[in-house]
């Protein structure tokens, strides 16, 4: 574990001491670790989720949503999307190869 020194306002330290003294936490370090875990769990996941929701709403507004109603439609859609990604990767590699070849000719 890493040791961290922090400065706190007197009132915040007093409130933390009360939580430790009343048995809610085993130590001040335990309180801080718990608070950090709770913060990251509630904010990081929510932020990622919020970004995905905003992207989905933008896709809906732009008419880019696709309704898939059967396993075959899902499979076909995923294969098509995979092929698009693979084709794009191939195009990027080809362009990169061309650029490298041109640079070597100079």
PDB file of N, CA and C in Angstrom:
ATOM      1  N   UNK A   1       0.834  -1.192   0.000  1.00  0.00           N
ATOM      2  CA  UNK A   1       0.000   0.000   0.000  1.00  0.00           C
ATOM      3  C   UNK A   1       0.868   1.241   0.000  1.00  0.00           C
ATOM      4  N   UNK A   2       0.300   2.305  -0.501  1.00  0.00           N
ATOM      5  CA  UNK A   2       0.974   3.593  -0.545  1.00  0.00           C
ATOM      6  C   UNK A   2       0.442   4.483   0.568  1.00  0.00           C
ATOM      7  N   UNK A   3       1.315   5.261   1.166  1.00  0.00           N
ATOM      8  CA  UNK A   3       0.909   6.211   2.203  1.00  0.00           C
ATOM      9  C   UNK A   3       0.708   7.572   1.562  1.00  0.00           C
ATOM     10  N   UNK A   4      -0.387   8.250   1.946  1.00  0.00           N
ATOM     11  CA  UNK A   4      -0.710   9.562   1.411  1.00  0.00           C
ATOM     12  C   UNK A   4      -0.978  10.504   2.575  1.00  0.00           C
ATOM     13  N   UNK A   5      -0.387  11.676   2.547  1.00  0.00           N
ATOM     14  CA  UNK A   5      -0.650  12.705   3.558  1.00  0.00           C
ATOM     15  C   UNK A   5      -1.586  13.737   2.955  1.00  0.00           C
ATOM     16  N   UNK A   6      -2.645  14.102   3.696  1.00  0.00           N
ATOM     17  CA  UNK A   6      -3.590  15.098   3.201  1.00  0.00           C
ATOM     18  C   UNK A   6      -3.851  16.146   4.275  1.00  0.00           C
ATOM     19  N   UNK A   7      -4.251  17.319   3.828  1.00  0.00           N
ATOM     20  CA  UNK A   7      -4.678  18.385   4.743  1.00  0.00           C
ATOM     21  C   UNK A   7      -6.192  18.476   4.659  1.00  0.00           C
ATOM     22  N   UNK A   8      -6.837  18.548   5.836  1.00  0.00           N
ATOM     23  CA  UNK A   8      -8.291  18.629   5.896  1.00  0.00           C
ATOM     24  C   UNK A   8      -8.711  19.812   6.750  1.00  0.00           C
ATOM     25  N   UNK A   9      -9.855  20.413   6.437  1.00  0.00           N
ATOM     26  CA  UNK A   9     -10.407  21.409   7.353  1.00  0.00           C
ATOM     27  C   UNK A   9     -10.722  20.721   8.690  1.00  0.00           C
ATOM     28  N   UNK A  10     -10.627  21.463   9.766  1.00  0.00           N
ATOM     29  CA  UNK A  10     -10.833  20.910  11.112  1.00  0.00           C
ATOM     30  C   UNK A  10     -12.187  20.215  11.222  1.00  0.00           C
ATOM     31  N   UNK A  11     -13.229  20.813  10.695  1.00  0.00           N
ATOM     32  CA  UNK A  11     -14.574  20.239  10.811  1.00  0.00           C
ATOM     33  C   UNK A  11     -14.668  18.895  10.076  1.00  0.00           C
ATOM     34  N   UNK A  12     -14.070  18.801   8.914  1.00  0.00           N
ATOM     35  CA  UNK A  12     -14.109  17.544   8.168  1.00  0.00           C
ATOM     36  C   UNK A  12     -13.344  16.449   8.903  1.00  0.00           C
ATOM     37  N   UNK A  13     -12.205  16.786   9.461  1.00  0.00           N
ATOM     38  CA  UNK A  13     -11.426  15.815  10.238  1.00  0.00           C
ATOM     39  C   UNK A  13     -12.206  15.376  11.466  1.00  0.00           C
ATOM     40  N   UNK A  14     -12.891  16.308  12.105  1.00  0.00           N
ATOM     41  CA  UNK A  14     -13.689  15.990  13.288  1.00  0.00           C
ATOM     42  C   UNK A  14     -14.832  15.041  12.931  1.00  0.00           C
ATOM     43  N   UNK A  15     -15.482  15.298  11.800  1.00  0.00           N
ATOM     44  CA  UNK A  15     -16.566  14.417  11.355  1.00  0.00           C
ATOM     45  C   UNK A  15     -16.032  13.020  11.024  1.00  0.00           C
ATOM     46  N   UNK A  16     -14.866  12.966  10.416  1.00  0.00           N
ATOM     47  CA  UNK A  16     -14.251  11.675  10.095  1.00  0.00           C
ATOM     48  C   UNK A  16     -13.901  10.921  11.370  1.00  0.00           C
ATOM     49  N   UNK A  17     -13.328  11.636  12.338  1.00  0.00           N
ATOM     50  CA  UNK A  17     -12.986  11.010  13.623  1.00  0.00           C
ATOM     51  C   UNK A  17     -14.240  10.454  14.303  1.00  0.00           C
ATOM     52  N   UNK A  18     -15.350  11.185  14.214  1.00  0.00           N
ATOM     53  CA  UNK A  18     -16.599  10.720  14.820  1.00  0.00           C
ATOM     54  C   UNK A  18     -17.031   9.394  14.186  1.00  0.00           C
ATOM     55  N   UNK A  19     -16.936   9.295  12.874  1.00  0.00           N
ATOM     56  CA  UNK A  19     -17.327   8.048  12.198  1.00  0.00           C
ATOM     57  C   UNK A  19     -16.430   6.880  12.614  1.00  0.00           C
ATOM     58  N   UNK A  20     -15.151   7.150  12.775  1.00  0.00           N
ATOM     59  CA  UNK A  20     -14.219   6.105  13.211  1.00  0.00           C
ATOM     60  C   UNK A  20     -14.487   5.744  14.664  1.00  0.00           C
ATOM     61  N   UNK A  21     -14.613   6.731  15.530  1.00  0.00           N
ATOM     62  CA  UNK A  21     -14.835   6.502  16.965  1.00  0.00           C
ATOM     63  C   UNK A  21     -16.154   5.790  17.236  1.00  0.00           C
ATOM     64  N   UNK A  22     -17.155   6.030  16.394  1.00  0.00           N
ATOM     65  CA  UNK A  22     -18.457   5.396  16.616  1.00  0.00           C
ATOM     66  C   UNK A  22     -18.544   4.010  15.980  1.00  0.00           C
ATOM     67  N   UNK A  23     -17.444   3.550  15.391  1.00  0.00           N
ATOM     68  CA  UNK A  23     -17.384   2.181  14.884  1.00  0.00           C
ATOM     69  C   UNK A  23     -17.835   1.977  13.456  1.00  0.00           C
ATOM     70  N   UNK A  24     -18.121   3.043  12.732  1.00  0.00           N
ATOM     71  CA  UNK A  24     -18.520   2.895  11.325  1.00  0.00           C
ATOM     72  C   UNK A  24     -17.347   2.456  10.455  1.00  0.00           C
ATOM     73  N   UNK A  25     -16.139   2.839  10.853  1.00  0.00           N
ATOM     74  CA  UNK A  25     -14.915   2.469  10.140  1.00  0.00           C
ATOM     75  C   UNK A  25     -13.870   2.061  11.159  1.00  0.00           C
ATOM     76  N   UNK A  26     -12.969   1.179  10.754  1.00  0.00           N
ATOM     77  CA  UNK A  26     -11.934   0.717  11.679  1.00  0.00           C
ATOM     78  C   UNK A  26     -10.820   1.738  11.868  1.00  0.00           C
ATOM     79  N   UNK A  27     -10.654   2.607  10.868  1.00  0.00           N
ATOM     80  CA  UNK A  27      -9.605   3.630  10.951  1.00  0.00           C
ATOM     81  C   UNK A  27      -9.928   4.744   9.966  1.00  0.00           C
ATOM     82  N   UNK A  28      -9.187   5.836  10.085  1.00  0.00           N
ATOM     83  CA  UNK A  28      -9.348   6.939   9.146  1.00  0.00           C
ATOM     84  C   UNK A  28      -9.007   6.473   7.728  1.00  0.00           C
ATOM     85  N   UNK A  29      -7.961   5.663   7.604  1.00  0.00           N
ATOM     86  CA  UNK A  29      -7.584   5.139   6.279  1.00  0.00           C
ATOM     87  C   UNK A  29      -8.705   4.296   5.684  1.00  0.00           C
ATOM     88  N   UNK A  30      -9.350   3.496   6.510  1.00  0.00           N
ATOM     89  CA  UNK A  30     -10.470   2.672   6.057  1.00  0.00           C
ATOM     90  C   UNK A  30     -11.597   3.561   5.535  1.00  0.00           C
ATOM     91  N   UNK A  31     -11.885   4.662   6.236  1.00  0.00           N
ATOM     92  CA  UNK A  31     -12.914   5.609   5.811  1.00  0.00           C
ATOM     93  C   UNK A  31     -12.563   6.215   4.450  1.00  0.00           C
ATOM     94  N   UNK A  32     -11.333   6.643   4.282  1.00  0.00           N
ATOM     95  CA  UNK A  32     -10.908   7.268   3.027  1.00  0.00           C
ATOM     96  C   UNK A  32     -10.972   6.257   1.876  1.00  0.00           C
ATOM     97  N   UNK A  33     -10.475   5.035   2.106  1.00  0.00           N
ATOM     98  CA  UNK A  33     -10.546   4.006   1.056  1.00  0.00           C
ATOM     99  C   UNK A  33     -11.992   3.747   0.654  1.00  0.00           C
ATOM    100  N   UNK A  34     -12.863   3.621   1.647  1.00  0.00           N
ATOM    101  CA  UNK A  34     -14.275   3.374   1.384  1.00  0.00           C
ATOM    102  C   UNK A  34     -14.904   4.526   0.603  1.00  0.00           C
ATOM    103  N   UNK A  35     -14.597   5.748   1.009  1.00  0.00           N
ATOM    104  CA  UNK A  35     -15.148   6.924   0.323  1.00  0.00           C
ATOM    105  C   UNK A  35     -14.676   6.980  -1.131  1.00  0.00           C
ATOM    106  N   UNK A  36     -13.410   6.680  -1.360  1.00  0.00           N
ATOM    107  CA  UNK A  36     -12.888   6.687  -2.733  1.00  0.00           C
ATOM    108  C   UNK A  36     -13.539   5.593  -3.584  1.00  0.00           C
ATOM    109  N   UNK A  37     -13.688   4.398  -3.015  1.00  0.00           N
ATOM    110  CA  UNK A  37     -14.354   3.311  -3.747  1.00  0.00           C
ATOM    111  C   UNK A  37     -15.779   3.703  -4.123  1.00  0.00           C
ATOM    112  N   UNK A  38     -16.506   4.259  -3.163  1.00  0.00           N
ATOM    113  CA  UNK A  38     -17.889   4.666  -3.424  1.00  0.00           C
ATOM    114  C   UNK A  38     -17.945   5.759  -4.490  1.00  0.00           C
ATOM    115  N   UNK A  39     -17.039   6.691  -4.417  1.00  0.00           N
ATOM    116  CA  UNK A  39     -17.011   7.770  -5.401  1.00  0.00           C
ATOM    117  C   UNK A  39     -16.783   7.216  -6.801  1.00  0.00           C
ATOM    118  N   UNK A  40     -15.761   6.373  -6.955  1.00  0.00           N
ATOM    119  CA  UNK A  40     -15.462   5.847  -8.282  1.00  0.00           C
ATOM    120  C   UNK A  40     -16.574   4.939  -8.792  1.00  0.00           C
ATOM    121  N   UNK A  41     -17.144   4.145  -7.920  1.00  0.00           N
ATOM    122  CA  UNK A  41     -18.224   3.244  -8.336  1.00  0.00           C
ATOM    123  C   UNK A  41     -19.446   4.030  -8.807  1.00  0.00           C
ATOM    124  N   UNK A  42     -19.744   5.122  -8.132  1.00  0.00           N
ATOM    125  CA  UNK A  42     -20.947   5.864  -8.496  1.00  0.00           C
ATOM    126  C   UNK A  42     -20.727   6.845  -9.643  1.00  0.00           C
ATOM    127  N   UNK A  43     -19.524   7.350  -9.822  1.00  0.00           N
ATOM    128  CA  UNK A  43     -19.292   8.357 -10.854  1.00  0.00           C
ATOM    129  C   UNK A  43     -18.732   7.794 -12.148  1.00  0.00           C
ATOM    130  N   UNK A  44     -17.798   6.903 -12.083  1.00  0.00           N
ATOM    131  CA  UNK A  44     -17.157   6.397 -13.296  1.00  0.00           C
ATOM    132  C   UNK A  44     -18.153   5.612 -14.129  1.00  0.00           C
ATOM    133  N   UNK A  45     -18.854   4.664 -13.501  1.00  0.00           N
ATOM    134  CA  UNK A  45     -19.816   3.866 -14.251  1.00  0.00           C
ATOM    135  C   UNK A  45     -20.946   4.731 -14.798  1.00  0.00           C
ATOM    136  N   UNK A  46     -21.422   5.675 -13.988  1.00  0.00           N
ATOM    137  CA  UNK A  46     -22.505   6.553 -14.414  1.00  0.00           C
ATOM    138  C   UNK A  46     -22.065   7.399 -15.596  1.00  0.00           C
ATOM    139  N   UNK A  47     -20.849   7.899 -15.537  1.00  0.00           N
ATOM    140  CA  UNK A  47     -20.343   8.726 -16.627  1.00  0.00           C
ATOM    141  C   UNK A  47     -20.298   7.921 -17.918  1.00  0.00           C
ATOM    142  N   UNK A  48     -19.771   6.700 -17.863  1.00  0.00           N
ATOM    143  CA  UNK A  48     -19.719   5.858 -19.051  1.00  0.00           C
ATOM    144  C   UNK A  48     -21.123   5.574 -19.565  1.00  0.00           C
ATOM    145  N   UNK A  49     -22.036   5.281 -18.651  1.00  0.00           N
ATOM    146  CA  UNK A  49     -23.408   4.990 -19.035  1.00  0.00           C
ATOM    147  C   UNK A  49     -24.046   6.218 -19.675  1.00  0.00           C
ATOM    148  N   UNK A  50     -23.836   7.380 -19.081  1.00  0.00           N
ATOM    149  CA  UNK A  50     -24.413   8.613 -19.621  1.00  0.00           C
ATOM    150  C   UNK A  50     -23.916   8.882 -21.039  1.00  0.00           C
ATOM    151  N   UNK A  51     -22.647   8.630 -21.281  1.00  0.00           N
ATOM    152  CA  UNK A  51     -22.091   8.817 -22.620  1.00  0.00           C
ATOM    153  C   UNK A  51     -22.778   7.876 -23.608  1.00  0.00           C
ATOM    154  N   UNK A  52     -22.960   6.615 -23.216  1.00  0.00           N
ATOM    155  CA  UNK A  52     -23.626   5.651 -24.096  1.00  0.00           C
ATOM    156  C   UNK A  52     -25.077   6.047 -24.369  1.00  0.00           C
ATOM    157  N   UNK A  53     -25.762   6.534 -23.355  1.00  0.00           N
ATOM    158  CA  UNK A  53     -27.147   6.973 -23.539  1.00  0.00           C
ATOM    159  C   UNK A  53     -27.207   8.138 -24.518  1.00  0.00           C
ATOM    160  N   UNK A  54     -26.310   9.110 -24.359  1.00  0.00           N
ATOM    161  CA  UNK A  54     -26.291  10.264 -25.267  1.00  0.00           C
ATOM    162  C   UNK A  54     -26.009   9.826 -26.704  1.00  0.00           C
ATOM    163  N   UNK A  55     -25.077   8.883 -26.878  1.00  0.00           N
ATOM    164  CA  UNK A  55     -24.785   8.376 -28.219  1.00  0.00           C
ATOM    165  C   UNK A  55     -25.990   7.667 -28.805  1.00  0.00           C
ATOM    166  N   UNK A  56     -26.682   6.868 -27.992  1.00  0.00           N
ATOM    167  CA  UNK A  56     -27.862   6.146 -28.471  1.00  0.00           C
ATOM    168  C   UNK A  56     -28.968   7.114 -28.870  1.00  0.00           C
ATOM    169  N   UNK A  57     -29.172   8.151 -28.065  1.00  0.00           N
ATOM    170  CA  UNK A  57     -30.196   9.140 -28.399  1.00  0.00           C
ATOM    171  C   UNK A  57     -29.850   9.893 -29.681  1.00  0.00           C
ATOM    172  N   UNK A  58     -28.580  10.199 -29.870  1.00  0.00           N
ATOM    173  CA  UNK A  58     -28.150  10.866 -31.105  1.00  0.00           C
ATOM    174  C   UNK A  58     -28.359   9.945 -32.306  1.00  0.00           C
ATOM    175  N   UNK A  59     -28.051   8.665 -32.135  1.00  0.00           N
ATOM    176  CA  UNK A  59     -28.276   7.698 -33.215  1.00  0.00           C
ATOM    177  C   UNK A  59     -29.754   7.602 -33.558  1.00  0.00           C
ATOM    178  N   UNK A  60     -30.601   7.589 -32.523  1.00  0.00           N
ATOM    179  CA  UNK A  60     -32.049   7.511 -32.758  1.00  0.00           C
ATOM    180  C   UNK A  60     -32.524   8.737 -33.527  1.00  0.00           C
ATOM    181  N   UNK A  61     -32.082   9.898 -33.086  1.00  0.00           N
ATOM    182  CA  UNK A  61     -32.492  11.152 -33.728  1.00  0.00           C
ATOM    183  C   UNK A  61     -32.037  11.198 -35.184  1.00  0.00           C
ATOM    184  N   UNK A  62     -30.872  10.636 -35.464  1.00  0.00           N
ATOM    185  CA  UNK A  62     -30.321  10.647 -36.824  1.00  0.00           C
ATOM    186  C   UNK A  62     -30.853   9.494 -37.680  1.00  0.00           C
ATOM    187  N   UNK A  63     -31.722   8.657 -37.103  1.00  0.00           N
ATOM    188  CA  UNK A  63     -32.288   7.553 -37.867  1.00  0.00           C
ATOM    189  C   UNK A  63     -31.335   6.396 -38.079  1.00  0.00           C
ATOM    190  N   UNK A  64     -30.374   6.234 -37.191  1.00  0.00           N
ATOM    191  CA  UNK A  64     -29.386   5.165 -37.354  1.00  0.00           C
ATOM    192  C   UNK A  64     -29.706   3.916 -36.536  1.00  0.00           C
ATOM    193  N   UNK A  65     -30.876   3.858 -35.905  1.00  0.00           N
ATOM    194  CA  UNK A  65     -31.223   2.675 -35.115  1.00  0.00           C
ATOM    195  C   UNK A  65     -31.725   1.563 -36.013  1.00  0.00           C
ATOM    196  N   UNK A  66     -31.401   0.347 -35.647  1.00  0.00           N
ATOM    197  CA  UNK A  66     -31.837  -0.829 -36.388  1.00  0.00           C
ATOM    198  C   UNK A  66     -32.546  -1.751 -35.404  1.00  0.00           C
ATOM    199  N   UNK A  67     -33.751  -2.201 -35.769  1.00  0.00           N
ATOM    200  CA  UNK A  67     -34.490  -3.138 -34.927  1.00  0.00           C
ATOM    201  C   UNK A  67     -34.245  -4.543 -35.440  1.00  0.00           C
ATOM    202  N   UNK A  68     -33.720  -5.390 -34.578  1.00  0.00           N
ATOM    203  CA  UNK A  68     -33.431  -6.777 -34.928  1.00  0.00           C
ATOM    204  C   UNK A  68     -34.392  -7.660 -34.142  1.00  0.00           C
ATOM    205  N   UNK A  69     -35.119  -8.528 -34.845  1.00  0.00           N
ATOM    206  CA  UNK A  69     -36.178  -9.274 -34.178  1.00  0.00           C
ATOM    207  C   UNK A  69     -35.956 -10.783 -34.132  1.00  0.00           C
ATOM    208  N   UNK A  70     -34.890 -11.253 -34.741  1.00  0.00           N
ATOM    209  CA  UNK A  70     -34.661 -12.698 -34.709  1.00  0.00           C
ATOM    210  C   UNK A  70     -33.168 -12.970 -34.547  1.00  0.00           C
ATOM    211  N   UNK A  71     -32.827 -14.164 -34.093  1.00  0.00           N
ATOM    212  CA  UNK A  71     -31.400 -14.512 -33.980  1.00  0.00           C
ATOM    213  C   UNK A  71     -30.670 -14.389 -35.319  1.00  0.00           C
ATOM    214  N   UNK A  72     -31.322 -14.750 -36.414  1.00  0.00           N
ATOM    215  CA  UNK A  72     -30.679 -14.642 -37.734  1.00  0.00           C
ATOM    216  C   UNK A  72     -30.392 -13.184 -38.083  1.00  0.00           C
ATOM    217  N   UNK A  73     -31.373 -12.295 -37.810  1.00  0.00           N
ATOM    218  CA  UNK A  73     -31.135 -10.873 -38.075  1.00  0.00           C
ATOM    219  C   UNK A  73     -29.968 -10.344 -37.247  1.00  0.00           C
ATOM    220  N   UNK A  74     -29.884 -10.782 -36.000  1.00  0.00           N
ATOM    221  CA  UNK A  74     -28.778 -10.360 -35.134  1.00  0.00           C
ATOM    222  C   UNK A  74     -27.456 -10.870 -35.690  1.00  0.00           C
ATOM    223  N   UNK A  75     -27.397 -12.147 -36.042  1.00  0.00           N
ATOM    224  CA  UNK A  75     -26.173 -12.714 -36.611  1.00  0.00           C
ATOM    225  C   UNK A  75     -25.761 -11.989 -37.883  1.00  0.00           C
ATOM    226  N   UNK A  76     -26.720 -11.783 -38.787  1.00  0.00           N
ATOM    227  CA  UNK A  76     -26.425 -11.103 -40.055  1.00  0.00           C
ATOM    228  C   UNK A  76     -25.908  -9.683 -39.820  1.00  0.00           C
ATOM    229  N   UNK A  77     -26.531  -8.979 -38.883  1.00  0.00           N
ATOM    230  CA  UNK A  77     -26.121  -7.613 -38.562  1.00  0.00           C
ATOM    231  C   UNK A  77     -24.693  -7.592 -38.018  1.00  0.00           C
ATOM    232  N   UNK A  78     -24.406  -8.507 -37.079  1.00  0.00           N
ATOM    233  CA  UNK A  78     -23.064  -8.543 -36.480  1.00  0.00           C
ATOM    234  C   UNK A  78     -22.001  -8.900 -37.512  1.00  0.00           C
ATOM    235  N   UNK A  79     -22.307  -9.826 -38.409  1.00  0.00           N
ATOM    236  CA  UNK A  79     -21.351 -10.181 -39.476  1.00  0.00           C
ATOM    237  C   UNK A  79     -21.104  -8.973 -40.370  1.00  0.00           C
ATOM    238  N   UNK A  80     -22.183  -8.270 -40.743  1.00  0.00           N
ATOM    239  CA  UNK A  80     -22.046  -7.084 -41.595  1.00  0.00           C
ATOM    240  C   UNK A  80     -21.187  -6.013 -40.912  1.00  0.00           C
ATOM    241  N   UNK A  81     -21.445  -5.766 -39.618  1.00  0.00           N
ATOM    242  CA  UNK A  81     -20.668  -4.760 -38.881  1.00  0.00           C
ATOM    243  C   UNK A  81     -19.207  -5.190 -38.745  1.00  0.00           C
ATOM    244  N   UNK A  82     -18.981  -6.471 -38.479  1.00  0.00           N
ATOM    245  CA  UNK A  82     -17.614  -6.989 -38.365  1.00  0.00           C
ATOM    246  C   UNK A  82     -16.880  -6.788 -39.689  1.00  0.00           C
ATOM    247  N   UNK A  83     -17.560  -7.093 -40.791  1.00  0.00           N
ATOM    248  CA  UNK A  83     -16.932  -6.935 -42.109  1.00  0.00           C
ATOM    249  C   UNK A  83     -16.606  -5.474 -42.401  1.00  0.00           C
ATOM    250  N   UNK A  84     -17.483  -4.557 -41.976  1.00  0.00           N
ATOM    251  CA  UNK A  84     -17.197  -3.133 -42.173  1.00  0.00           C
ATOM    252  C   UNK A  84     -15.926  -2.732 -41.439  1.00  0.00           C
ATOM    253  N   UNK A  85     -15.818  -3.185 -40.190  1.00  0.00           N
ATOM    254  CA  UNK A  85     -14.638  -2.865 -39.387  1.00  0.00           C
ATOM    255  C   UNK A  85     -13.392  -3.487 -40.008  1.00  0.00           C
ATOM    256  N   UNK A  86     -13.500  -4.744 -40.438  1.00  0.00           N
ATOM    257  CA  UNK A  86     -12.354  -5.418 -41.060  1.00  0.00           C
ATOM    258  C   UNK A  86     -11.935  -4.715 -42.340  1.00  0.00           C
ATOM    259  N   UNK A  87     -12.909  -4.318 -43.161  1.00  0.00           N
ATOM    260  CA  UNK A  87     -12.600  -3.602 -44.406  1.00  0.00           C
ATOM    261  C   UNK A  87     -11.901  -2.274 -44.115  1.00  0.00           C
ATOM    262  N   UNK A  88     -12.381  -1.567 -43.096  1.00  0.00           N
ATOM    263  CA  UNK A  88     -11.776  -0.285 -42.736  1.00  0.00           C
ATOM    264  C   UNK A  88     -10.338  -0.488 -42.247  1.00  0.00           C
ATOM    265  N   UNK A  89     -10.115  -1.519 -41.441  1.00  0.00           N
ATOM    266  CA  UNK A  89      -8.755  -1.807 -40.983  1.00  0.00           C
ATOM    267  C   UNK A  89      -7.850  -2.111 -42.177  1.00  0.00           C
ATOM    268  N   UNK A  90      -8.357  -2.862 -43.146  1.00  0.00           N
ATOM    269  CA  UNK A  90      -7.570  -3.191 -44.340  1.00  0.00           C
ATOM    270  C   UNK A  90      -7.233  -1.918 -45.116  1.00  0.00           C
ATOM    271  N   UNK A  91      -8.227  -1.021 -45.282  1.00  0.00           N
ATOM    272  CA  UNK A  91      -7.979   0.241 -46.006  1.00  0.00           C
ATOM    273  C   UNK A  91      -6.913   1.072 -45.291  1.00  0.00           C
ATOM    274  N   UNK A  92      -6.998   1.136 -43.980  1.00  0.00           N
ATOM    275  CA  UNK A  92      -6.019   1.917 -43.212  1.00  0.00           C
ATOM    276  C   UNK A  92      -4.627   1.321 -43.360  1.00  0.00           C
ATOM    277  N   UNK A  93      -4.533  -0.010 -43.252  1.00  0.00           N
ATOM    278  CA  UNK A  93      -3.224  -0.657 -43.412  1.00  0.00           C
ATOM    279  C   UNK A  93      -2.669  -0.427 -44.810  1.00  0.00           C
ATOM    280  N   UNK A  94      -3.535  -0.495 -45.824  1.00  0.00           N
ATOM    281  CA  UNK A  94      -3.087  -0.277 -47.200  1.00  0.00           C
ATOM    282  C   UNK A  94      -2.556   1.136 -47.386  1.00  0.00           C
ATOM    283  N   UNK A  95      -3.299   2.110 -46.870  1.00  0.00           N
ATOM    284  CA  UNK A  95      -2.853   3.503 -46.986  1.00  0.00           C
ATOM    285  C   UNK A  95      -1.533   3.716 -46.261  1.00  0.00           C
ATOM    286  N   UNK A  96      -1.412   3.124 -45.095  1.00  0.00           N
ATOM    287  CA  UNK A  96      -0.174   3.242 -44.329  1.00  0.00           C
ATOM    288  C   UNK A  96       0.978   2.613 -45.102  1.00  0.00           C
ATOM    289  N   UNK A  97       0.745   1.446 -45.679  1.00  0.00           N
ATOM    290  CA  UNK A  97       1.780   0.772 -46.459  1.00  0.00           C
ATOM    291  C   UNK A  97       2.191   1.627 -47.658  1.00  0.00           C
ATOM    292  N   UNK A  98       1.204   2.230 -48.351  1.00  0.00           N
ATOM    293  CA  UNK A  98       1.508   3.095 -49.491  1.00  0.00           C
ATOM    294  C   UNK A  98       2.345   4.293 -49.059  1.00  0.00           C
ATOM    295  N   UNK A  99       1.976   4.875 -47.950  1.00  0.00           N
ATOM    296  CA  UNK A  99       2.705   6.053 -47.459  1.00  0.00           C
ATOM    297  C   UNK A  99       4.144   5.685 -47.107  1.00  0.00           C
ATOM    298  N   UNK A 100       4.315   4.548 -46.438  1.00  0.00           N
ATOM    299  CA  UNK A 100       5.663   4.107 -46.074  1.00  0.00           C
ATOM    300  C   UNK A 100       6.475   3.840 -47.335  1.00  0.00           C
ATOM    301  N   UNK A 101       5.852   3.206 -48.320  1.00  0.00           N
ATOM    302  CA  UNK A 101       6.554   2.924 -49.591  1.00  0.00           C
ATOM    303  C   UNK A 101       6.972   4.217 -50.272  1.00  0.00           C
ATOM    304  N   UNK A 102       6.073   5.212 -50.278  1.00  0.00           N
ATOM    305  CA  UNK A 102       6.394   6.507 -50.905  1.00  0.00           C
ATOM    306  C   UNK A 102       7.528   7.200 -50.151  1.00  0.00           C
ATOM    307  N   UNK A 103       7.511   7.119 -48.842  1.00  0.00           N
ATOM    308  CA  UNK A 103       8.556   7.748 -48.057  1.00  0.00           C
ATOM    309  C   UNK A 103       9.912   7.118 -48.321  1.00  0.00           C
ATOM    310  N   UNK A 104       9.929   5.797 -48.548  1.00  0.00           N
ATOM    311  CA  UNK A 104      11.200   5.112 -48.828  1.00  0.00           C
ATOM    312  C   UNK A 104      11.734   5.454 -50.204  1.00  0.00           C
ATOM    313  N   UNK A 105      10.864   5.818 -51.140  1.00  0.00           N
ATOM    314  CA  UNK A 105      11.291   6.158 -52.504  1.00  0.00           C
ATOM    315  C   UNK A 105      11.931   7.534 -52.550  1.00  0.00           C
ATOM    316  N   UNK A 106      11.631   8.376 -51.571  1.00  0.00           N
ATOM    317  CA  UNK A 106      12.159   9.763 -51.568  1.00  0.00           C
ATOM    318  C   UNK A 106      13.612   9.820 -51.294  1.00  0.00           C
TER     319      UNK A 106
END
